């Protein structure tokens, strides 16, 4: 487990979420829109309909 994950494990869940959110606000502007989208899909999960609709764009 990496150091960030270890630190988050020791935190209260609400505090961890707040801190991760602040970190993402710093990171997101530095990465591509595609990377942000992939991250968010991985985070919330991708429905079967989303998978099919993404194939349509290929």
C-alpha atoms as a PDB file:
ATOM      1  CA  UNK A   1       0.000   0.000   0.000  1.00  0.00           C
ATOM      2  CA  UNK A   2       1.394   3.414  -0.895  1.00  0.00           C
ATOM      3  CA  UNK A   3       1.911   6.240   1.578  1.00  0.00           C
ATOM      4  CA  UNK A   4      -1.171   8.192   0.485  1.00  0.00           C
ATOM      5  CA  UNK A   5      -3.405   5.160   0.995  1.00  0.00           C
ATOM      6  CA  UNK A   6      -1.849   4.508   4.424  1.00  0.00           C
ATOM      7  CA  UNK A   7      -2.489   8.104   5.480  1.00  0.00           C
ATOM      8  CA  UNK A   8      -6.101   7.980   4.290  1.00  0.00           C
ATOM      9  CA  UNK A   9      -6.675   4.683   6.141  1.00  0.00           C
ATOM     10  CA  UNK A  10      -5.741   6.408   9.414  1.00  0.00           C
ATOM     11  CA  UNK A  11      -8.146   9.311   8.831  1.00  0.00           C
ATOM     12  CA  UNK A  12     -11.796   9.738   9.689  1.00  0.00           C
ATOM     13  CA  UNK A  13     -13.743   9.019   6.424  1.00  0.00           C
ATOM     14  CA  UNK A  14     -15.278  12.495   6.194  1.00  0.00           C
ATOM     15  CA  UNK A  15     -11.912  14.170   6.711  1.00  0.00           C
ATOM     16  CA  UNK A  16     -10.282  11.858   4.195  1.00  0.00           C
ATOM     17  CA  UNK A  17     -12.924  12.682   1.604  1.00  0.00           C
ATOM     18  CA  UNK A  18     -12.456  16.406   2.171  1.00  0.00           C
ATOM     19  CA  UNK A  19      -8.666  16.155   1.845  1.00  0.00           C
ATOM     20  CA  UNK A  20      -8.854  13.984  -1.273  1.00  0.00           C
ATOM     21  CA  UNK A  21     -11.297  16.465  -2.793  1.00  0.00           C
ATOM     22  CA  UNK A  22      -8.889  19.339  -2.173  1.00  0.00           C
ATOM     23  CA  UNK A  23      -6.055  17.343  -3.752  1.00  0.00           C
ATOM     24  CA  UNK A  24      -8.189  16.587  -6.809  1.00  0.00           C
ATOM     25  CA  UNK A  25      -8.984  20.284  -7.238  1.00  0.00           C
ATOM     26  CA  UNK A  26      -5.235  20.822  -7.581  1.00  0.00           C
ATOM     27  CA  UNK A  27      -4.590  17.837  -9.850  1.00  0.00           C
ATOM     28  CA  UNK A  28      -7.590  17.965 -12.215  1.00  0.00           C
ATOM     29  CA  UNK A  29      -6.627  21.187 -14.048  1.00  0.00           C
ATOM     30  CA  UNK A  30      -3.244  19.619 -14.867  1.00  0.00           C
ATOM     31  CA  UNK A  31      -4.562  16.491 -16.596  1.00  0.00           C
ATOM     32  CA  UNK A  32      -6.403  15.976 -19.860  1.00  0.00           C
ATOM     33  CA  UNK A  33     -10.169  15.878 -20.121  1.00  0.00           C
ATOM     34  CA  UNK A  34      -9.863  12.242 -21.181  1.00  0.00           C
ATOM     35  CA  UNK A  35      -7.891  11.384 -18.031  1.00  0.00           C
ATOM     36  CA  UNK A  36     -10.441  13.147 -15.825  1.00  0.00           C
ATOM     37  CA  UNK A  37     -13.279  11.298 -17.525  1.00  0.00           C
ATOM     38  CA  UNK A  38     -11.562   7.922 -17.161  1.00  0.00           C
ATOM     39  CA  UNK A  39     -10.882   8.630 -13.488  1.00  0.00           C
ATOM     40  CA  UNK A  40     -14.498   9.567 -12.809  1.00  0.00           C
ATOM     41  CA  UNK A  41     -15.860   6.534 -14.651  1.00  0.00           C
ATOM     42  CA  UNK A  42     -13.546   4.282 -12.650  1.00  0.00           C
ATOM     43  CA  UNK A  43     -14.588   6.019  -9.448  1.00  0.00           C
ATOM     44  CA  UNK A  44     -18.359   5.739  -9.913  1.00  0.00           C
ATOM     45  CA  UNK A  45     -18.438   2.701 -12.162  1.00  0.00           C
ATOM     46  CA  UNK A  46     -19.535   2.464 -15.741  1.00  0.00           C
ATOM     47  CA  UNK A  47     -22.995   1.158 -16.557  1.00  0.00           C
ATOM     48  CA  UNK A  48     -23.540  -1.271 -19.412  1.00  0.00           C
ATOM     49  CA  UNK A  49     -25.346   1.460 -21.385  1.00  0.00           C
ATOM     50  CA  UNK A  50     -22.300   3.716 -21.027  1.00  0.00           C
ATOM     51  CA  UNK A  51     -20.045   0.979 -22.395  1.00  0.00           C
ATOM     52  CA  UNK A  52     -22.288   0.504 -25.418  1.00  0.00           C
ATOM     53  CA  UNK A  53     -22.596   4.231 -26.093  1.00  0.00           C
ATOM     54  CA  UNK A  54     -18.820   4.671 -25.892  1.00  0.00           C
ATOM     55  CA  UNK A  55     -18.395   1.949 -28.507  1.00  0.00           C
ATOM     56  CA  UNK A  56     -20.627   3.891 -30.876  1.00  0.00           C
ATOM     57  CA  UNK A  57     -17.988   6.658 -30.997  1.00  0.00           C
ATOM     58  CA  UNK A  58     -15.304   4.231 -32.233  1.00  0.00           C
END
